């Protein structure tokens, strides 16, 4: 790992911790890494930048 850190608000962090525990992850970091890799894999399937933008809009990341 690169030693980076990301700040999450307390309510979101509590939710992440809960689901990481329920899913059997060894840490919040492991859960977040897996979730991000899964989302990025979906975006990487796109054939063009325009298709990526459409996917991001569909997921609610951009408007």
PDB file of N, CA and C in Angstrom:
ATOM      1  N   UNK A   1       0.836  -1.174   0.000  1.00  0.00           N
ATOM      2  CA  UNK A   1       0.000   0.000   0.000  1.00  0.00           C
ATOM      3  C   UNK A   1       0.883   1.240   0.000  1.00  0.00           C
ATOM      4  N   UNK A   2       0.362   2.329  -0.472  1.00  0.00           N
ATOM      5  CA  UNK A   2       1.120   3.544  -0.639  1.00  0.00           C
ATOM      6  C   UNK A   2       1.122   4.443   0.589  1.00  0.00           C
ATOM      7  N   UNK A   3       0.397   4.086   1.606  1.00  0.00           N
ATOM      8  CA  UNK A   3       0.361   4.905   2.802  1.00  0.00           C
ATOM      9  C   UNK A   3      -0.543   6.119   2.687  1.00  0.00           C
ATOM     10  N   UNK A   4      -1.400   6.140   1.692  1.00  0.00           N
ATOM     11  CA  UNK A   4      -2.334   7.251   1.528  1.00  0.00           C
ATOM     12  C   UNK A   4      -3.453   7.136   2.545  1.00  0.00           C
ATOM     13  N   UNK A   5      -4.080   8.259   2.810  1.00  0.00           N
ATOM     14  CA  UNK A   5      -5.235   8.218   3.696  1.00  0.00           C
ATOM     15  C   UNK A   5      -6.355   9.030   3.067  1.00  0.00           C
ATOM     16  N   UNK A   6      -7.562   8.596   3.366  1.00  0.00           N
ATOM     17  CA  UNK A   6      -8.764   9.269   2.878  1.00  0.00           C
ATOM     18  C   UNK A   6      -9.636   9.539   4.086  1.00  0.00           C
ATOM     19  N   UNK A   7     -10.172  10.736   4.169  1.00  0.00           N
ATOM     20  CA  UNK A   7     -11.041  11.091   5.287  1.00  0.00           C
ATOM     21  C   UNK A   7     -12.488  10.797   4.911  1.00  0.00           C
ATOM     22  N   UNK A   8     -13.182  10.144   5.817  1.00  0.00           N
ATOM     23  CA  UNK A   8     -14.606   9.856   5.668  1.00  0.00           C
ATOM     24  C   UNK A   8     -15.331  10.471   6.854  1.00  0.00           C
ATOM     25  N   UNK A   9     -16.560  10.940   6.605  1.00  0.00           N
ATOM     26  CA  UNK A   9     -17.289  11.458   7.762  1.00  0.00           C
ATOM     27  C   UNK A   9     -17.641  10.289   8.681  1.00  0.00           C
ATOM     28  N   UNK A  10     -17.903  10.622   9.931  1.00  0.00           N
ATOM     29  CA  UNK A  10     -18.076   9.594  10.960  1.00  0.00           C
ATOM     30  C   UNK A  10     -19.225   8.634  10.657  1.00  0.00           C
ATOM     31  N   UNK A  11     -20.316   9.155  10.125  1.00  0.00           N
ATOM     32  CA  UNK A  11     -21.469   8.299   9.837  1.00  0.00           C
ATOM     33  C   UNK A  11     -21.136   7.297   8.728  1.00  0.00           C
ATOM     34  N   UNK A  12     -20.458   7.762   7.686  1.00  0.00           N
ATOM     35  CA  UNK A  12     -20.080   6.853   6.602  1.00  0.00           C
ATOM     36  C   UNK A  12     -19.072   5.826   7.092  1.00  0.00           C
ATOM     37  N   UNK A  13     -18.111   6.244   7.878  1.00  0.00           N
ATOM     38  CA  UNK A  13     -17.111   5.323   8.414  1.00  0.00           C
ATOM     39  C   UNK A  13     -17.774   4.244   9.263  1.00  0.00           C
ATOM     40  N   UNK A  14     -18.751   4.610  10.053  1.00  0.00           N
ATOM     41  CA  UNK A  14     -19.463   3.637  10.880  1.00  0.00           C
ATOM     42  C   UNK A  14     -20.170   2.613   9.999  1.00  0.00           C
ATOM     43  N   UNK A  15     -20.788   3.077   8.920  1.00  0.00           N
ATOM     44  CA  UNK A  15     -21.457   2.155   7.975  1.00  0.00           C
ATOM     45  C   UNK A  15     -20.450   1.225   7.325  1.00  0.00           C
ATOM     46  N   UNK A  16     -19.328   1.786   6.896  1.00  0.00           N
ATOM     47  CA  UNK A  16     -18.296   0.970   6.253  1.00  0.00           C
ATOM     48  C   UNK A  16     -17.781  -0.090   7.229  1.00  0.00           C
ATOM     49  N   UNK A  17     -17.507   0.304   8.462  1.00  0.00           N
ATOM     50  CA  UNK A  17     -17.029  -0.644   9.470  1.00  0.00           C
ATOM     51  C   UNK A  17     -18.031  -1.766   9.674  1.00  0.00           C
ATOM     52  N   UNK A  18     -19.301  -1.410   9.746  1.00  0.00           N
ATOM     53  CA  UNK A  18     -20.351  -2.413   9.981  1.00  0.00           C
ATOM     54  C   UNK A  18     -20.367  -3.444   8.858  1.00  0.00           C
ATOM     55  N   UNK A  19     -20.367  -2.977   7.612  1.00  0.00           N
ATOM     56  CA  UNK A  19     -20.440  -3.904   6.488  1.00  0.00           C
ATOM     57  C   UNK A  19     -19.136  -4.666   6.280  1.00  0.00           C
ATOM     58  N   UNK A  20     -18.023  -4.053   6.592  1.00  0.00           N
ATOM     59  CA  UNK A  20     -16.743  -4.766   6.504  1.00  0.00           C
ATOM     60  C   UNK A  20     -16.745  -5.938   7.488  1.00  0.00           C
ATOM     61  N   UNK A  21     -17.231  -5.691   8.695  1.00  0.00           N
ATOM     62  CA  UNK A  21     -17.316  -6.755   9.701  1.00  0.00           C
ATOM     63  C   UNK A  21     -18.286  -7.848   9.269  1.00  0.00           C
ATOM     64  N   UNK A  22     -19.471  -7.441   8.820  1.00  0.00           N
ATOM     65  CA  UNK A  22     -20.478  -8.421   8.404  1.00  0.00           C
ATOM     66  C   UNK A  22     -19.991  -9.288   7.242  1.00  0.00           C
ATOM     67  N   UNK A  23     -19.223  -8.696   6.346  1.00  0.00           N
ATOM     68  CA  UNK A  23     -18.749  -9.426   5.167  1.00  0.00           C
ATOM     69  C   UNK A  23     -17.486 -10.229   5.452  1.00  0.00           C
ATOM     70  N   UNK A  24     -16.913 -10.061   6.638  1.00  0.00           N
ATOM     71  CA  UNK A  24     -15.756 -10.851   7.013  1.00  0.00           C
ATOM     72  C   UNK A  24     -14.413 -10.295   6.563  1.00  0.00           C
ATOM     73  N   UNK A  25     -14.375  -9.021   6.217  1.00  0.00           N
ATOM     74  CA  UNK A  25     -13.101  -8.410   5.845  1.00  0.00           C
ATOM     75  C   UNK A  25     -12.248  -8.226   7.092  1.00  0.00           C
ATOM     76  N   UNK A  26     -10.930  -8.292   6.909  1.00  0.00           N
ATOM     77  CA  UNK A  26     -10.031  -8.171   8.051  1.00  0.00           C
ATOM     78  C   UNK A  26      -9.863  -6.726   8.509  1.00  0.00           C
ATOM     79  N   UNK A  27     -10.231  -5.770   7.641  1.00  0.00           N
ATOM     80  CA  UNK A  27     -10.100  -4.360   8.001  1.00  0.00           C
ATOM     81  C   UNK A  27     -11.000  -3.512   7.114  1.00  0.00           C
ATOM     82  N   UNK A  28     -11.216  -2.288   7.562  1.00  0.00           N
ATOM     83  CA  UNK A  28     -11.962  -1.325   6.755  1.00  0.00           C
ATOM     84  C   UNK A  28     -11.211  -1.080   5.451  1.00  0.00           C
ATOM     85  N   UNK A  29      -9.888  -0.977   5.531  1.00  0.00           N
ATOM     86  CA  UNK A  29      -9.077  -0.722   4.346  1.00  0.00           C
ATOM     87  C   UNK A  29      -9.254  -1.816   3.298  1.00  0.00           C
ATOM     88  N   UNK A  30      -9.307  -3.074   3.754  1.00  0.00           N
ATOM     89  CA  UNK A  30      -9.488  -4.183   2.825  1.00  0.00           C
ATOM     90  C   UNK A  30     -10.854  -4.085   2.134  1.00  0.00           C
ATOM     91  N   UNK A  31     -11.884  -3.767   2.897  1.00  0.00           N
ATOM     92  CA  UNK A  31     -13.228  -3.635   2.342  1.00  0.00           C
ATOM     93  C   UNK A  31     -13.289  -2.489   1.324  1.00  0.00           C
ATOM     94  N   UNK A  32     -12.751  -1.328   1.693  1.00  0.00           N
ATOM     95  CA  UNK A  32     -12.785  -0.165   0.807  1.00  0.00           C
ATOM     96  C   UNK A  32     -11.985  -0.444  -0.465  1.00  0.00           C
ATOM     97  N   UNK A  33     -10.822  -1.068  -0.335  1.00  0.00           N
ATOM     98  CA  UNK A  33     -10.015  -1.415  -1.495  1.00  0.00           C
ATOM     99  C   UNK A  33     -10.801  -2.319  -2.438  1.00  0.00           C
ATOM    100  N   UNK A  34     -11.446  -3.332  -1.890  1.00  0.00           N
ATOM    101  CA  UNK A  34     -12.230  -4.250  -2.718  1.00  0.00           C
ATOM    102  C   UNK A  34     -13.387  -3.529  -3.403  1.00  0.00           C
ATOM    103  N   UNK A  35     -14.084  -2.679  -2.670  1.00  0.00           N
ATOM    104  CA  UNK A  35     -15.218  -1.946  -3.242  1.00  0.00           C
ATOM    105  C   UNK A  35     -14.757  -1.027  -4.370  1.00  0.00           C
ATOM    106  N   UNK A  36     -13.642  -0.329  -4.172  1.00  0.00           N
ATOM    107  CA  UNK A  36     -13.127   0.568  -5.212  1.00  0.00           C
ATOM    108  C   UNK A  36     -12.650  -0.214  -6.431  1.00  0.00           C
ATOM    109  N   UNK A  37     -11.967  -1.336  -6.203  1.00  0.00           N
ATOM    110  CA  UNK A  37     -11.512  -2.153  -7.328  1.00  0.00           C
ATOM    111  C   UNK A  37     -12.693  -2.648  -8.151  1.00  0.00           C
ATOM    112  N   UNK A  38     -13.763  -3.024  -7.479  1.00  0.00           N
ATOM    113  CA  UNK A  38     -14.968  -3.504  -8.166  1.00  0.00           C
ATOM    114  C   UNK A  38     -15.591  -2.398  -9.015  1.00  0.00           C
ATOM    115  N   UNK A  39     -15.720  -1.200  -8.458  1.00  0.00           N
ATOM    116  CA  UNK A  39     -16.283  -0.068  -9.205  1.00  0.00           C
ATOM    117  C   UNK A  39     -15.394   0.309 -10.385  1.00  0.00           C
ATOM    118  N   UNK A  40     -14.088   0.358 -10.161  1.00  0.00           N
ATOM    119  CA  UNK A  40     -13.161   0.719 -11.236  1.00  0.00           C
ATOM    120  C   UNK A  40     -13.178  -0.315 -12.358  1.00  0.00           C
ATOM    121  N   UNK A  41     -13.313  -1.583 -12.017  1.00  0.00           N
ATOM    122  CA  UNK A  41     -13.365  -2.630 -13.032  1.00  0.00           C
ATOM    123  C   UNK A  41     -14.555  -2.413 -13.961  1.00  0.00           C
ATOM    124  N   UNK A  42     -15.680  -1.994 -13.408  1.00  0.00           N
ATOM    125  CA  UNK A  42     -16.862  -1.723 -14.233  1.00  0.00           C
ATOM    126  C   UNK A  42     -16.596  -0.568 -15.189  1.00  0.00           C
ATOM    127  N   UNK A  43     -15.927   0.462 -14.697  1.00  0.00           N
ATOM    128  CA  UNK A  43     -15.630   1.616 -15.541  1.00  0.00           C
ATOM    129  C   UNK A  43     -14.593   1.268 -16.607  1.00  0.00           C
ATOM    130  N   UNK A  44     -13.642   0.424 -16.263  1.00  0.00           N
ATOM    131  CA  UNK A  44     -12.582   0.061 -17.200  1.00  0.00           C
ATOM    132  C   UNK A  44     -13.077  -0.794 -18.359  1.00  0.00           C
ATOM    133  N   UNK A  45     -14.276  -1.339 -18.251  1.00  0.00           N
ATOM    134  CA  UNK A  45     -14.856  -2.109 -19.340  1.00  0.00           C
ATOM    135  C   UNK A  45     -15.317  -1.207 -20.483  1.00  0.00           C
ATOM    136  N   UNK A  46     -15.390   0.074 -20.243  1.00  0.00           N
ATOM    137  CA  UNK A  46     -15.858   1.030 -21.252  1.00  0.00           C
ATOM    138  C   UNK A  46     -14.852   1.125 -22.388  1.00  0.00           C
ATOM    139  N   UNK A  47     -15.373   1.353 -23.599  1.00  0.00           N
ATOM    140  CA  UNK A  47     -14.532   1.439 -24.784  1.00  0.00           C
ATOM    141  C   UNK A  47     -14.058   2.852 -25.084  1.00  0.00           C
ATOM    142  N   UNK A  48     -14.694   3.851 -24.491  1.00  0.00           N
ATOM    143  CA  UNK A  48     -14.323   5.230 -24.803  1.00  0.00           C
ATOM    144  C   UNK A  48     -14.537   6.117 -23.575  1.00  0.00           C
ATOM    145  N   UNK A  49     -13.965   7.293 -23.634  1.00  0.00           N
ATOM    146  CA  UNK A  49     -14.142   8.252 -22.547  1.00  0.00           C
ATOM    147  C   UNK A  49     -15.610   8.651 -22.418  1.00  0.00           C
ATOM    148  N   UNK A  50     -16.299   8.766 -23.539  1.00  0.00           N
ATOM    149  CA  UNK A  50     -17.717   9.128 -23.516  1.00  0.00           C
ATOM    150  C   UNK A  50     -18.540   8.046 -22.809  1.00  0.00           C
ATOM    151  N   UNK A  51     -18.209   6.782 -23.070  1.00  0.00           N
ATOM    152  CA  UNK A  51     -18.914   5.685 -22.411  1.00  0.00           C
ATOM    153  C   UNK A  51     -18.633   5.690 -20.905  1.00  0.00           C
ATOM    154  N   UNK A  52     -17.415   6.033 -20.524  1.00  0.00           N
ATOM    155  CA  UNK A  52     -17.066   6.137 -19.101  1.00  0.00           C
ATOM    156  C   UNK A  52     -17.911   7.221 -18.448  1.00  0.00           C
ATOM    157  N   UNK A  53     -18.045   8.374 -19.119  1.00  0.00           N
ATOM    158  CA  UNK A  53     -18.858   9.463 -18.572  1.00  0.00           C
ATOM    159  C   UNK A  53     -20.311   9.036 -18.414  1.00  0.00           C
ATOM    160  N   UNK A  54     -20.833   8.295 -19.384  1.00  0.00           N
ATOM    161  CA  UNK A  54     -22.212   7.799 -19.286  1.00  0.00           C
ATOM    162  C   UNK A  54     -22.376   6.868 -18.091  1.00  0.00           C
ATOM    163  N   UNK A  55     -21.391   5.989 -17.902  1.00  0.00           N
ATOM    164  CA  UNK A  55     -21.446   5.064 -16.762  1.00  0.00           C
ATOM    165  C   UNK A  55     -21.387   5.828 -15.447  1.00  0.00           C
ATOM    166  N   UNK A  56     -20.510   6.821 -15.367  1.00  0.00           N
ATOM    167  CA  UNK A  56     -20.408   7.625 -14.149  1.00  0.00           C
ATOM    168  C   UNK A  56     -21.712   8.366 -13.869  1.00  0.00           C
ATOM    169  N   UNK A  57     -22.345   8.886 -14.919  1.00  0.00           N
ATOM    170  CA  UNK A  57     -23.654   9.534 -14.741  1.00  0.00           C
ATOM    171  C   UNK A  57     -24.674   8.531 -14.251  1.00  0.00           C
ATOM    172  N   UNK A  58     -24.691   7.350 -14.857  1.00  0.00           N
ATOM    173  CA  UNK A  58     -25.640   6.308 -14.469  1.00  0.00           C
ATOM    174  C   UNK A  58     -25.478   5.867 -13.033  1.00  0.00           C
ATOM    175  N   UNK A  59     -24.231   5.896 -12.546  1.00  0.00           N
ATOM    176  CA  UNK A  59     -23.958   5.523 -11.165  1.00  0.00           C
ATOM    177  C   UNK A  59     -24.185   6.671 -10.191  1.00  0.00           C
ATOM    178  N   UNK A  60     -24.447   7.863 -10.729  1.00  0.00           N
ATOM    179  CA  UNK A  60     -24.703   9.024  -9.881  1.00  0.00           C
ATOM    180  C   UNK A  60     -23.465   9.751  -9.420  1.00  0.00           C
ATOM    181  N   UNK A  61     -22.302   9.448 -10.006  1.00  0.00           N
ATOM    182  CA  UNK A  61     -21.062  10.109  -9.601  1.00  0.00           C
ATOM    183  C   UNK A  61     -20.918  11.497 -10.216  1.00  0.00           C
ATOM    184  N   UNK A  62     -21.485  11.709 -11.405  1.00  0.00           N
ATOM    185  CA  UNK A  62     -21.464  13.024 -12.033  1.00  0.00           C
ATOM    186  C   UNK A  62     -22.849  13.321 -12.572  1.00  0.00           C
ATOM    187  N   UNK A  63     -23.101  14.606 -12.796  1.00  0.00           N
ATOM    188  CA  UNK A  63     -24.420  14.981 -13.318  1.00  0.00           C
ATOM    189  C   UNK A  63     -24.307  15.645 -14.657  1.00  0.00           C
TER     190      UNK A  63
END
